Amino acid sequence: MTAGDAHRRRRRPGLSIAMGNASHEVQRAARRVTASNEEEGFANAVEQFIL
């Protein structure tokens, strides 16, 4: 799993999650989009997609 708000040129993970405050380019490249970091997006992504 990869979660973040920046575009990384690395091998694509099985699950990529863009933060809600990420650029549109990053959001389009991700498999899923969660809330922004100010809205606890990472915690929400872990709860929804991992646990």
N, C-alpha and C. Protein backbone atom coordinates (compact mmCIF):
# COMPACT_ATOMS: atom_id res chain seq x y z
N MET A 1 0.85 -1.17 0.00
CA MET A 1 0.00 0.00 0.00
C MET A 1 0.89 1.23 0.00
N THR A 2 0.51 2.21 -0.77
CA THR A 2 1.14 3.51 -0.75
C THR A 2 0.06 4.54 -0.55
N ALA A 3 0.30 5.48 0.36
CA ALA A 3 -0.65 6.57 0.59
C ALA A 3 0.15 7.86 0.64
N GLY A 4 -0.37 8.90 0.03
CA GLY A 4 0.34 10.17 0.08
C GLY A 4 -0.30 11.23 -0.78
N ASP A 5 0.40 12.37 -0.86
CA ASP A 5 -0.11 13.48 -1.64
C ASP A 5 0.88 13.96 -2.69
N ALA A 6 1.96 13.20 -2.90
CA ALA A 6 2.96 13.58 -3.89
C ALA A 6 3.11 12.46 -4.91
N HIS A 7 3.49 12.84 -6.13
CA HIS A 7 3.66 11.86 -7.21
C HIS A 7 5.04 11.24 -7.08
N ARG A 8 5.11 9.95 -7.02
CA ARG A 8 6.38 9.23 -6.91
C ARG A 8 6.56 8.36 -8.15
N ARG A 9 7.74 8.39 -8.70
CA ARG A 9 8.05 7.58 -9.88
C ARG A 9 8.71 6.28 -9.44
N ARG A 10 7.96 5.44 -8.79
CA ARG A 10 8.46 4.16 -8.32
C ARG A 10 7.55 3.07 -8.84
N ARG A 11 7.94 1.87 -8.56
CA ARG A 11 7.11 0.74 -8.95
C ARG A 11 5.73 0.89 -8.32
N ARG A 12 4.71 0.66 -9.08
CA ARG A 12 3.33 0.84 -8.61
C ARG A 12 2.97 -0.24 -7.59
N PRO A 13 2.49 0.16 -6.42
CA PRO A 13 2.09 -0.81 -5.40
C PRO A 13 0.77 -1.47 -5.76
N GLY A 14 0.40 -2.48 -5.00
CA GLY A 14 -0.87 -3.16 -5.22
C GLY A 14 -2.05 -2.24 -4.95
N LEU A 15 -1.90 -1.35 -3.98
CA LEU A 15 -2.97 -0.42 -3.63
C LEU A 15 -2.35 0.95 -3.43
N SER A 16 -2.75 1.91 -4.24
CA SER A 16 -2.27 3.28 -4.09
C SER A 16 -3.45 4.15 -3.69
N ILE A 17 -3.24 4.96 -2.66
CA ILE A 17 -4.30 5.81 -2.13
C ILE A 17 -3.79 7.24 -2.10
N ALA A 18 -4.50 8.12 -2.79
CA ALA A 18 -4.13 9.53 -2.79
C ALA A 18 -4.90 10.25 -1.68
N MET A 19 -4.23 11.18 -1.06
CA MET A 19 -4.88 12.01 -0.06
C MET A 19 -5.80 13.00 -0.78
N GLY A 20 -6.84 13.41 -0.13
CA GLY A 20 -7.81 14.33 -0.72
C GLY A 20 -7.21 15.66 -1.13
N ASN A 21 -6.11 16.06 -0.49
CA ASN A 21 -5.47 17.33 -0.82
C ASN A 21 -4.37 17.19 -1.87
N ALA A 22 -4.23 15.99 -2.43
CA ALA A 22 -3.24 15.76 -3.48
C ALA A 22 -3.67 16.45 -4.77
N SER A 23 -2.72 16.64 -5.66
CA SER A 23 -3.04 17.25 -6.95
C SER A 23 -3.97 16.33 -7.74
N HIS A 24 -4.64 16.88 -8.72
CA HIS A 24 -5.54 16.07 -9.55
C HIS A 24 -4.77 14.98 -10.28
N GLU A 25 -3.55 15.27 -10.67
CA GLU A 25 -2.72 14.27 -11.35
C GLU A 25 -2.46 13.07 -10.44
N VAL A 26 -2.13 13.34 -9.19
CA VAL A 26 -1.88 12.26 -8.24
C VAL A 26 -3.16 11.48 -7.97
N GLN A 27 -4.27 12.18 -7.81
CA GLN A 27 -5.54 11.51 -7.55
C GLN A 27 -5.94 10.62 -8.72
N ARG A 28 -5.71 11.08 -9.95
CA ARG A 28 -6.04 10.26 -11.13
C ARG A 28 -5.15 9.01 -11.21
N ALA A 29 -3.91 9.12 -10.76
CA ALA A 29 -2.98 7.99 -10.84
C ALA A 29 -3.24 6.94 -9.76
N ALA A 30 -3.87 7.35 -8.67
CA ALA A 30 -4.12 6.43 -7.55
C ALA A 30 -5.32 5.54 -7.83
N ARG A 31 -5.33 4.40 -7.19
CA ARG A 31 -6.47 3.49 -7.31
C ARG A 31 -7.64 3.97 -6.45
N ARG A 32 -7.35 4.63 -5.34
CA ARG A 32 -8.37 5.15 -4.43
C ARG A 32 -7.98 6.54 -3.97
N VAL A 33 -8.97 7.33 -3.53
CA VAL A 33 -8.73 8.65 -2.97
C VAL A 33 -9.43 8.70 -1.62
N THR A 34 -8.73 9.21 -0.61
CA THR A 34 -9.30 9.33 0.73
C THR A 34 -9.41 10.81 1.09
N ALA A 35 -9.80 11.09 2.29
CA ALA A 35 -9.93 12.47 2.77
C ALA A 35 -8.55 13.12 2.84
N SER A 36 -8.53 14.42 3.05
CA SER A 36 -7.25 15.14 3.15
C SER A 36 -6.54 14.78 4.45
N ASN A 37 -5.27 15.18 4.54
CA ASN A 37 -4.53 14.92 5.76
C ASN A 37 -5.11 15.69 6.94
N GLU A 38 -5.73 16.82 6.70
CA GLU A 38 -6.37 17.59 7.78
C GLU A 38 -7.66 16.94 8.26
N GLU A 39 -8.20 16.02 7.47
CA GLU A 39 -9.45 15.33 7.81
C GLU A 39 -9.18 13.86 8.17
N GLU A 40 -7.95 13.58 8.62
CA GLU A 40 -7.54 12.23 9.04
C GLU A 40 -7.67 11.21 7.92
N GLY A 41 -7.30 11.63 6.71
CA GLY A 41 -7.41 10.76 5.55
C GLY A 41 -6.60 9.49 5.64
N PHE A 42 -5.39 9.56 6.19
CA PHE A 42 -4.58 8.36 6.29
C PHE A 42 -5.23 7.35 7.24
N ALA A 43 -5.69 7.81 8.38
CA ALA A 43 -6.36 6.92 9.34
C ALA A 43 -7.61 6.31 8.71
N ASN A 44 -8.36 7.11 7.98
CA ASN A 44 -9.56 6.60 7.30
C ASN A 44 -9.20 5.53 6.28
N ALA A 45 -8.13 5.75 5.53
CA ALA A 45 -7.70 4.78 4.52
C ALA A 45 -7.30 3.46 5.17
N VAL A 46 -6.56 3.53 6.28
CA VAL A 46 -6.16 2.32 6.97
C VAL A 46 -7.39 1.56 7.45
N GLU A 47 -8.31 2.26 8.05
CA GLU A 47 -9.54 1.62 8.54
C GLU A 47 -10.34 1.00 7.41
N GLN A 48 -10.46 1.72 6.30
CA GLN A 48 -11.31 1.26 5.20
C GLN A 48 -10.67 0.17 4.35
N PHE A 49 -9.37 0.28 4.07
CA PHE A 49 -8.75 -0.61 3.11
C PHE A 49 -7.81 -1.66 3.72
N ILE A 50 -7.41 -1.49 4.97
CA ILE A 50 -6.44 -2.41 5.56
C ILE A 50 -7.05 -3.26 6.67
N LEU A 51 -7.76 -2.66 7.57
CA LEU A 51 -8.31 -3.41 8.72
C LEU A 51 -9.55 -4.17 8.36
